[in-house]
Each structure stands twice: as C-alpha cells, then as structure tokens.
Amino acid sequence: MIRTKIVELSTIEAAAYRQKLKNGKSGVVILRYDMAQPGLASLNRATGEPDVSANTNLELFPIAAFKEALELTSGMPYSRRGAVKLSGMRENPALEEEEEAPEALATVNSAEYEAVVKAYTNKKGDLSYDLLNKDFIQFARSSKIVADMVASQASVDEIRDHVVKVKLESLTGNRELTVAQAQRIVEMLDEVSPRYVFRELNDEIRKMLSHAKG
C-alpha cells in the first residue's frame, strides 16, 4: 500500500498513518491497541478536516484523534510500504484493497519521486516544502527559457509545469519524463502537504509576469 510512516497518538491509545486511497483521496487510518477494527476517514481538501467513514464509531475514534493524526502526518512523504499489523491484531482485508492503483504505484516507485523525497526531506522525516520551493524558485529566476516564457507572457501553469519538469529531470538525469508524469508526482507531494505544494513558486512566477508587464 501507499502510506506514510506510523505515528503514535496521544488523544487515544492508538497508532495512525495517512494512506493514499483507491479513489485518489488521502485517507487516515487509526489502529487502536485494544481492538482489531480500524477507524477510517478521508481528508476533505476543501476544509482540511477529516470526513469520517460511516461505519467508524466516533466514541471509539473521536474526531480529535483524526485531527491529531492529520497534524502528525502532515508533510510526511508517501512511500510503498507493507500493511500494518499491530501486536494482537488480525489482518484486515479492507486495508489491502487500496493496493490496486497502477499509476499511483508507478509514481511513488519512480526515481523522480524518490529523488524529490531524498533531496527535500528534513531530519524529522518530513518534506521541507520551504526548501523545495526555494530551490525551484532559484532555478526559475536563473533559467533563460523561463525568462523567455515570462517575456512572452506564458501562463503561470505553463511556466510552473516547465520548471517542475526540468527540475525533476535534473534530479535523476531522466530526459524522457513527460508533463503528465511530473504532474502525478506533484499531486502525490500535494496530498501530504499542509497547503498546495508549489504555492510560493506560483507566487514568484506571478511576480515575474507582473514585472515583465511593467
């Protein structure tokens, strides 16, 4: 499955992790130490709040526990990991179903995704979105192609897509990376980001375009 590392909760006696769901959303799984049935919720990207599944008992898995799990896993990179089984737990088939997502697995297993995680993960094991944006902005400012795109008033999305693709290529030396592959990597990074992963880069590109207009 594609998930983060496990974190320990203080709200209740339980462990938790964030998982990429089959429907493309980001989910939170809470595993209590005293029972086999997990608590499940998906992340509502519009509100930033957990949407708890209908069959999750809120007395056993309170909203506060899901919020704590989201906070603790925020910024943790996804990777392909084995199913989680705490001591005394039986296997839960429901948690295995999310394995079947070929594009997601290809993305998280790609050299480019691994290179980004390796290059921009801090000592705590979290992705440093500040460092990531700073590095990509520095490249955008120094690139002649970007300067030409700015001069011709290309869109923010076009310029950002070019910057991201070229930077990902430079991390691994893969010159055959497609825009679609790069976009899937961005989406994977964005799912565990507390805000849009390239917000600062977008802001910088807008400034560059504005200055070019005079």
C-alpha atoms as a PDB file:
ATOM      1  CA  MET A   1       0.000   0.000   0.000  1.00  0.00           C
ATOM      2  CA  ILE A   2       0.992   3.649  -0.388  1.00  0.00           C
ATOM      3  CA  ARG A   3       1.159   5.258   3.042  1.00  0.00           C
ATOM      4  CA  THR A   4       3.218   7.355   5.439  1.00  0.00           C
ATOM      5  CA  LYS A   5       5.146   6.098   8.421  1.00  0.00           C
ATOM      6  CA  ILE A   6       3.171   5.207  11.549  1.00  0.00           C
ATOM      7  CA  VAL A   7       2.670   7.836  14.258  1.00  0.00           C
ATOM      8  CA  GLU A   8       1.544   7.329  17.835  1.00  0.00           C
ATOM      9  CA  LEU A   9      -1.454   9.300  19.052  1.00  0.00           C
ATOM     10  CA  SER A  10      -1.891  10.925  22.461  1.00  0.00           C
ATOM     11  CA  THR A  11      -5.618  11.618  22.074  1.00  0.00           C
ATOM     12  CA  ILE A  12      -6.412   7.905  22.402  1.00  0.00           C
ATOM     13  CA  GLU A  13      -4.341   4.749  22.845  1.00  0.00           C
ATOM     14  CA  ALA A  14      -3.707   4.155  19.171  1.00  0.00           C
ATOM     15  CA  ALA A  15      -1.369   4.443  16.207  1.00  0.00           C
ATOM     16  CA  ALA A  16      -2.185   6.033  12.861  1.00  0.00           C
ATOM     17  CA  TYR A  17      -0.944   6.694   9.369  1.00  0.00           C
ATOM     18  CA  ARG A  18      -2.029   8.538   6.241  1.00  0.00           C
ATOM     19  CA  GLN A  19      -2.801   6.404   3.192  1.00  0.00           C
ATOM     20  CA  LYS A  20      -3.492   7.070  -0.474  1.00  0.00           C
ATOM     21  CA  LEU A  21      -6.954   5.728  -1.193  1.00  0.00           C
ATOM     22  CA  LYS A  22      -8.090   3.995  -4.348  1.00  0.00           C
ATOM     23  CA  ASN A  23     -10.414   6.892  -5.210  1.00  0.00           C
ATOM     24  CA  GLY A  24      -7.421   9.240  -5.301  1.00  0.00           C
ATOM     25  CA  LYS A  25      -8.121  10.886  -1.955  1.00  0.00           C
ATOM     26  CA  SER A  26      -5.871  10.963   1.076  1.00  0.00           C
ATOM     27  CA  GLY A  27      -7.139   8.857   3.971  1.00  0.00           C
ATOM     28  CA  VAL A  28      -6.329   8.447   7.643  1.00  0.00           C
ATOM     29  CA  VAL A  29      -6.302   5.053   9.345  1.00  0.00           C
ATOM     30  CA  ILE A  30      -6.347   4.783  13.140  1.00  0.00           C
ATOM     31  CA  LEU A  31      -5.493   1.484  14.807  1.00  0.00           C
ATOM     32  CA  ARG A  32      -6.439   1.146  18.455  1.00  0.00           C
ATOM     33  CA  TYR A  33      -4.226  -1.113  20.543  1.00  0.00           C
ATOM     34  CA  ASP A  34      -7.226  -2.796  22.178  1.00  0.00           C
ATOM     35  CA  MET A  35      -9.258  -3.816  19.126  1.00  0.00           C
ATOM     36  CA  ALA A  36      -8.877  -5.135  15.582  1.00  0.00           C
ATOM     37  CA  GLN A  37     -11.307  -2.890  13.713  1.00  0.00           C
ATOM     38  CA  PRO A  38      -9.627   0.327  12.493  1.00  0.00           C
ATOM     39  CA  GLY A  39     -11.137   3.795  12.288  1.00  0.00           C
ATOM     40  CA  LEU A  40     -11.140   5.347   8.816  1.00  0.00           C
ATOM     41  CA  ALA A  41     -11.531   8.868   7.463  1.00  0.00           C
ATOM     42  CA  SER A  42     -10.715  10.694   4.245  1.00  0.00           C
ATOM     43  CA  LEU A  43      -9.218  14.185   4.106  1.00  0.00           C
ATOM     44  CA  ASN A  44     -11.549  16.886   2.839  1.00  0.00           C
ATOM     45  CA  ARG A  45      -9.175  19.089   0.807  1.00  0.00           C
ATOM     46  CA  ALA A  46     -11.659  21.977   0.778  1.00  0.00           C
ATOM     47  CA  THR A  47     -11.910  22.245   4.571  1.00  0.00           C
ATOM     48  CA  GLY A  48      -8.774  20.427   5.720  1.00  0.00           C
ATOM     49  CA  GLU A  49     -10.989  18.394   8.050  1.00  0.00           C
ATOM     50  CA  PRO A  50     -11.384  14.588   8.268  1.00  0.00           C
ATOM     51  CA  ASP A  51     -14.530  13.060   6.777  1.00  0.00           C
ATOM     52  CA  VAL A  52     -15.078  10.018   8.987  1.00  0.00           C
ATOM     53  CA  SER A  53     -16.422   6.875   7.308  1.00  0.00           C
ATOM     54  CA  ALA A  54     -19.998   5.867   8.080  1.00  0.00           C
ATOM     55  CA  ASN A  55     -19.018   2.624   9.843  1.00  0.00           C
ATOM     56  CA  THR A  56     -16.489   4.268  12.173  1.00  0.00           C
ATOM     57  CA  ASN A  57     -17.627   4.567  15.793  1.00  0.00           C
ATOM     58  CA  LEU A  58     -16.948   8.143  16.948  1.00  0.00           C
ATOM     59  CA  GLU A  59     -16.977   7.081  20.591  1.00  0.00           C
ATOM     60  CA  LEU A  60     -14.012   4.793  19.936  1.00  0.00           C
ATOM     61  CA  PHE A  61     -12.429   7.006  17.262  1.00  0.00           C
ATOM     62  CA  PRO A  62     -13.225  10.644  18.115  1.00  0.00           C
ATOM     63  CA  ILE A  63     -12.790  13.460  15.590  1.00  0.00           C
ATOM     64  CA  ALA A  64      -9.974  14.850  17.748  1.00  0.00           C
ATOM     65  CA  ALA A  65      -7.960  11.672  17.135  1.00  0.00           C
ATOM     66  CA  PHE A  66      -8.319  12.016  13.372  1.00  0.00           C
ATOM     67  CA  LYS A  67      -7.311  15.681  13.561  1.00  0.00           C
ATOM     68  CA  GLU A  68      -4.242  14.745  15.597  1.00  0.00           C
ATOM     69  CA  ALA A  69      -3.370  12.021  13.069  1.00  0.00           C
ATOM     70  CA  LEU A  70      -3.656  14.513  10.192  1.00  0.00           C
ATOM     71  CA  GLU A  71      -1.459  17.003  12.017  1.00  0.00           C
ATOM     72  CA  LEU A  72       1.208  14.423  12.879  1.00  0.00           C
ATOM     73  CA  THR A  73       1.354  13.015   9.337  1.00  0.00           C
ATOM     74  CA  SER A  74       1.246  16.401   7.606  1.00  0.00           C
ATOM     75  CA  GLY A  75       4.304  16.688   5.373  1.00  0.00           C
ATOM     76  CA  MET A  76       5.298  13.047   5.765  1.00  0.00           C
ATOM     77  CA  PRO A  77       6.076  11.621   2.313  1.00  0.00           C
ATOM     78  CA  TYR A  78       4.198   8.676   0.909  1.00  0.00           C
ATOM     79  CA  SER A  79       6.091   5.527   0.024  1.00  0.00           C
ATOM     80  CA  ARG A  80       5.170   1.958  -0.807  1.00  0.00           C
ATOM     81  CA  ARG A  81       5.003   0.097   2.487  1.00  0.00           C
ATOM     82  CA  GLY A  82       3.597  -3.145   3.791  1.00  0.00           C
ATOM     83  CA  ALA A  83       0.256  -3.494   5.526  1.00  0.00           C
ATOM     84  CA  VAL A  84       0.272  -2.524   9.201  1.00  0.00           C
ATOM     85  CA  LYS A  85      -0.477  -5.127  11.832  1.00  0.00           C
ATOM     86  CA  LEU A  86      -0.139  -4.175  15.482  1.00  0.00           C
ATOM     87  CA  SER A  87       0.503  -6.849  18.055  1.00  0.00           C
ATOM     88  CA  GLY A  88      -2.668  -8.860  18.639  1.00  0.00           C
ATOM     89  CA  MET A  89      -4.437  -7.567  15.558  1.00  0.00           C
ATOM     90  CA  ARG A  90      -5.892  -9.803  12.901  1.00  0.00           C
ATOM     91  CA  GLU A  91      -5.314  -8.989   9.231  1.00  0.00           C
ATOM     92  CA  ASN A  92      -7.842  -6.508   7.880  1.00  0.00           C
ATOM     93  CA  PRO A  93      -8.646  -7.105   4.184  1.00  0.00           C
ATOM     94  CA  ALA A  94     -10.285  -3.682   3.854  1.00  0.00           C
ATOM     95  CA  LEU A  95      -6.903  -2.021   4.281  1.00  0.00           C
ATOM     96  CA  GLU A  96      -5.367  -4.088   1.495  1.00  0.00           C
ATOM     97  CA  GLU A  97      -7.826  -3.099  -1.223  1.00  0.00           C
ATOM     98  CA  GLU A  98      -6.095   0.207  -1.933  1.00  0.00           C
ATOM     99  CA  GLU A  99      -3.053  -1.598  -3.368  1.00  0.00           C
ATOM    100  CA  GLU A 100      -4.506  -1.749  -6.877  1.00  0.00           C
ATOM    101  CA  ALA A 101      -3.651   1.677  -8.311  1.00  0.00           C
ATOM    102  CA  PRO A 102      -1.041   1.186 -11.072  1.00  0.00           C
ATOM    103  CA  GLU A 103      -0.418   4.874 -11.829  1.00  0.00           C
ATOM    104  CA  ALA A 104      -0.062   5.748  -8.146  1.00  0.00           C
ATOM    105  CA  LEU A 105       2.312   2.833  -7.558  1.00  0.00           C
ATOM    106  CA  ALA A 106       4.334   3.794 -10.645  1.00  0.00           C
ATOM    107  CA  THR A 107       4.583   7.353  -9.349  1.00  0.00           C
ATOM    108  CA  VAL A 108       5.610   6.535  -5.784  1.00  0.00           C
ATOM    109  CA  ASN A 109       8.130   3.969  -7.092  1.00  0.00           C
ATOM    110  CA  SER A 110       9.594   6.328  -9.696  1.00  0.00           C
ATOM    111  CA  ALA A 111      13.182   7.527  -9.460  1.00  0.00           C
ATOM    112  CA  GLU A 112      11.966  11.136  -9.730  1.00  0.00           C
ATOM    113  CA  TYR A 113       9.605  10.876  -6.760  1.00  0.00           C
ATOM    114  CA  GLU A 114      12.263   9.120  -4.679  1.00  0.00           C
ATOM    115  CA  ALA A 115      14.815  11.786  -5.667  1.00  0.00           C
ATOM    116  CA  VAL A 116      12.499  14.605  -4.551  1.00  0.00           C
ATOM    117  CA  VAL A 117      11.803  12.899  -1.223  1.00  0.00           C
ATOM    118  CA  LYS A 118      15.517  12.267  -0.655  1.00  0.00           C
ATOM    119  CA  ALA A 119      16.573  15.791  -1.638  1.00  0.00           C
ATOM    120  CA  TYR A 120      13.946  17.718   0.330  1.00  0.00           C
ATOM    121  CA  THR A 121      13.219  15.625   3.426  1.00  0.00           C
ATOM    122  CA  ASN A 122      14.426  17.145   6.705  1.00  0.00           C
ATOM    123  CA  LYS A 123      15.933  15.382   9.715  1.00  0.00           C
ATOM    124  CA  LYS A 124      12.464  14.800  11.205  1.00  0.00           C
ATOM    125  CA  GLY A 125      11.471  12.806   8.126  1.00  0.00           C
ATOM    126  CA  ASP A 126       9.081  15.490   6.815  1.00  0.00           C
ATOM    127  CA  LEU A 127       9.196  17.006   3.352  1.00  0.00           C
ATOM    128  CA  SER A 128      10.518  20.576   3.546  1.00  0.00           C
ATOM    129  CA  TYR A 129       8.204  22.482   1.255  1.00  0.00           C
ATOM    130  CA  ASP A 130      10.077  25.706   2.029  1.00  0.00           C
ATOM    131  CA  LEU A 131      13.355  24.212   0.770  1.00  0.00           C
ATOM    132  CA  LEU A 132      11.588  22.657  -2.218  1.00  0.00           C
ATOM    133  CA  ASN A 133      10.038  25.973  -3.270  1.00  0.00           C
ATOM    134  CA  LYS A 134      13.239  27.921  -2.612  1.00  0.00           C
ATOM    135  CA  ASP A 135      15.229  25.608  -4.877  1.00  0.00           C
ATOM    136  CA  PHE A 136      12.644  25.638  -7.658  1.00  0.00           C
ATOM    137  CA  ILE A 137      12.307  29.445  -7.446  1.00  0.00           C
ATOM    138  CA  GLN A 138      16.082  29.838  -7.703  1.00  0.00           C
ATOM    139  CA  PHE A 139      16.046  27.744 -10.862  1.00  0.00           C
ATOM    140  CA  ALA A 140      13.134  29.738 -12.328  1.00  0.00           C
ATOM    141  CA  ARG A 141      14.999  33.011 -11.760  1.00  0.00           C
ATOM    142  CA  SER A 142      18.161  31.733 -13.456  1.00  0.00           C
ATOM    143  CA  SER A 143      16.578  29.960 -16.434  1.00  0.00           C
ATOM    144  CA  LYS A 144      16.747  31.673 -19.837  1.00  0.00           C
ATOM    145  CA  ILE A 145      13.820  29.584 -21.089  1.00  0.00           C
ATOM    146  CA  VAL A 146      11.722  30.754 -18.162  1.00  0.00           C
ATOM    147  CA  ALA A 147      12.776  34.351 -18.870  1.00  0.00           C
ATOM    148  CA  ASP A 148      11.622  33.936 -22.467  1.00  0.00           C
ATOM    149  CA  MET A 149       8.329  32.409 -21.320  1.00  0.00           C
ATOM    150  CA  VAL A 150       7.802  35.318 -18.925  1.00  0.00           C
ATOM    151  CA  ALA A 151       8.607  37.836 -21.673  1.00  0.00           C
ATOM    152  CA  SER A 152       6.018  36.220 -23.932  1.00  0.00           C
ATOM    153  CA  GLN A 153       3.510  36.248 -21.039  1.00  0.00           C
ATOM    154  CA  ALA A 154       3.012  32.491 -20.850  1.00  0.00           C
ATOM    155  CA  SER A 155       0.560  31.363 -18.158  1.00  0.00           C
ATOM    156  CA  VAL A 156       1.564  30.620 -14.564  1.00  0.00           C
ATOM    157  CA  ASP A 157       0.645  26.965 -15.092  1.00  0.00           C
ATOM    158  CA  GLU A 158       2.774  26.668 -18.259  1.00  0.00           C
ATOM    159  CA  ILE A 159       5.812  28.205 -16.588  1.00  0.00           C
ATOM    160  CA  ARG A 160       5.424  26.163 -13.393  1.00  0.00           C
ATOM    161  CA  ASP A 161       4.979  22.930 -15.347  1.00  0.00           C
ATOM    162  CA  HIS A 162       8.191  23.661 -17.261  1.00  0.00           C
ATOM    163  CA  VAL A 163      10.137  24.459 -14.073  1.00  0.00           C
ATOM    164  CA  VAL A 164       8.893  21.337 -12.289  1.00  0.00           C
ATOM    165  CA  LYS A 165       9.571  19.041 -15.238  1.00  0.00           C
ATOM    166  CA  VAL A 166      13.114  20.336 -15.819  1.00  0.00           C
ATOM    167  CA  LYS A 167      13.986  20.244 -12.106  1.00  0.00           C
ATOM    168  CA  LEU A 168      12.705  16.670 -11.798  1.00  0.00           C
ATOM    169  CA  GLU A 169      14.750  15.728 -14.869  1.00  0.00           C
ATOM    170  CA  SER A 170      17.849  17.301 -13.339  1.00  0.00           C
ATOM    171  CA  LEU A 171      17.438  15.325 -10.112  1.00  0.00           C
ATOM    172  CA  THR A 172      17.629  11.978 -11.915  1.00  0.00           C
ATOM    173  CA  GLY A 173      19.006  12.707 -15.389  1.00  0.00           C
ATOM    174  CA  ASN A 174      15.826  11.320 -16.989  1.00  0.00           C
ATOM    175  CA  ARG A 175      15.162  13.479 -20.065  1.00  0.00           C
ATOM    176  CA  GLU A 176      12.128  11.432 -21.107  1.00  0.00           C
ATOM    177  CA  LEU A 177       9.902  12.491 -18.212  1.00  0.00           C
ATOM    178  CA  THR A 178       6.504  13.598 -19.503  1.00  0.00           C
ATOM    179  CA  VAL A 179       4.444  16.523 -18.213  1.00  0.00           C
ATOM    180  CA  ALA A 180       1.767  14.029 -17.123  1.00  0.00           C
ATOM    181  CA  GLN A 181       4.286  12.030 -15.080  1.00  0.00           C
ATOM    182  CA  ALA A 182       5.592  15.229 -13.487  1.00  0.00           C
ATOM    183  CA  GLN A 183       2.033  16.278 -12.648  1.00  0.00           C
ATOM    184  CA  ARG A 184       1.331  12.950 -10.928  1.00  0.00           C
ATOM    185  CA  ILE A 185       4.440  13.442  -8.788  1.00  0.00           C
ATOM    186  CA  VAL A 186       3.242  16.929  -7.830  1.00  0.00           C
ATOM    187  CA  GLU A 187      -0.181  15.518  -6.918  1.00  0.00           C
ATOM    188  CA  MET A 188       1.448  12.843  -4.751  1.00  0.00           C
ATOM    189  CA  LEU A 189       3.505  15.505  -2.934  1.00  0.00           C
ATOM    190  CA  ASP A 190       0.469  17.754  -2.618  1.00  0.00           C
ATOM    191  CA  GLU A 191      -1.593  15.092  -0.838  1.00  0.00           C
ATOM    192  CA  VAL A 192       0.610  15.212   2.253  1.00  0.00           C
ATOM    193  CA  SER A 193       1.261  18.967   2.096  1.00  0.00           C
ATOM    194  CA  PRO A 194      -0.441  21.262   4.627  1.00  0.00           C
ATOM    195  CA  ARG A 195      -1.014  23.628   1.662  1.00  0.00           C
ATOM    196  CA  TYR A 196      -0.548  23.500  -2.102  1.00  0.00           C
ATOM    197  CA  VAL A 197       2.981  22.220  -2.615  1.00  0.00           C
ATOM    198  CA  PHE A 198       4.123  24.920  -5.071  1.00  0.00           C
ATOM    199  CA  ARG A 199       2.232  27.912  -3.682  1.00  0.00           C
ATOM    200  CA  GLU A 200       5.392  30.007  -3.225  1.00  0.00           C
ATOM    201  CA  LEU A 201       6.661  29.082  -6.697  1.00  0.00           C
ATOM    202  CA  ASN A 202       3.333  30.146  -8.205  1.00  0.00           C
ATOM    203  CA  ASP A 203       3.512  33.450  -6.306  1.00  0.00           C
ATOM    204  CA  GLU A 204       7.045  34.092  -7.595  1.00  0.00           C
ATOM    205  CA  ILE A 205       6.012  33.354 -11.190  1.00  0.00           C
ATOM    206  CA  ARG A 206       3.119  35.806 -10.863  1.00  0.00           C
ATOM    207  CA  LYS A 207       5.569  38.478  -9.651  1.00  0.00           C
ATOM    208  CA  MET A 208       7.879  37.784 -12.584  1.00  0.00           C
ATOM    209  CA  LEU A 209       4.983  38.098 -15.034  1.00  0.00           C
ATOM    210  CA  SER A 210       3.788  41.301 -13.373  1.00  0.00           C
ATOM    211  CA  HIS A 211       7.252  42.900 -13.501  1.00  0.00           C
ATOM    212  CA  ALA A 212       7.624  41.920 -17.170  1.00  0.00           C
ATOM    213  CA  LYS A 213       4.434  43.848 -17.979  1.00  0.00           C
ATOM    214  CA  GLY A 214       5.986  46.928 -16.416  1.00  0.00           C
END
